[in-house]
């Protein structure tokens, strides 16, 4: 029982998620992977593509990774990335439960460095893995915050309950730098000849790796989208928001991730397409 001087903790938000990946219309295999899991101080539990649960007593992680490399090494790389994520999470939960926020950046940086080193070692050790690498966009949901870490050109978007859409992550690409500095707009970025030239990724022979790490406080009605570049290749930013917030009647029974992946593949389909949508629900 709480003492009179200690306010009772507010009930945690429930959250709802949906996820889907598709190889697209032209690629022979799918080098994208997504991850949905919940964890506490003792164990990690993998989640299905769709679900709803509470943030009370457990944290959640959602991630999207886009692999790269010859043959099937890109597919292998993205799977390695999502498997390695489970290493540090139970230990990190104790920090979350204690309300220690200052160490999240260090934990996420350590996680990304560990994955980066693993992929570099495999690339150097095995000829078939030479150049193997991956992007990674990861969101870690605690009762009040979404901590994120990111590298590459997959993305995390924030859709606050009041409306609008903001890209939280920086594209680690030449074109991404041009757009952040205001030298080109969204239309020019989508058609730029160097739009796929990455400057940073996990592995892929990159010796320099500095993930983008940050945090967003969340409240009921907020939504987050994690997606690979196959989604943004087919859909404009305003379409992302419309498909999540205002689905057409014919698509209302589909999950947000289904709507996004279906529309992106129909509009482009040149690349693998993966989307994870997370929504914070009103407290019970």
Foldseek 3Di string as FASTA:
>chain_A
DDDPVDDDDDFFWKKWKAKDWDFFDPDPDALKDKFKWKEELPDIGGDDRTDIGTLPRIKMKIKMKAKDAPDCLSSVLNVLLRVLVRPCPSVVRVCLVVVNDPCPVVVVVVSLVVSLVVLQVVLVPDVRSPLIFMWMWMWMGHRWKTKIKTAAAWWKWKAAQVGDIDTPAQHQFPLSVCVVVPNDDLVCLLPPPRNRGGPETRHSPDPDHDIDIDMDTHDARMKMKTKGVLLVNQDPPVVLRCLQPPNDPVCPPPHSFVSSQVRSSVRPRPGMIMMMMMGTHHRD
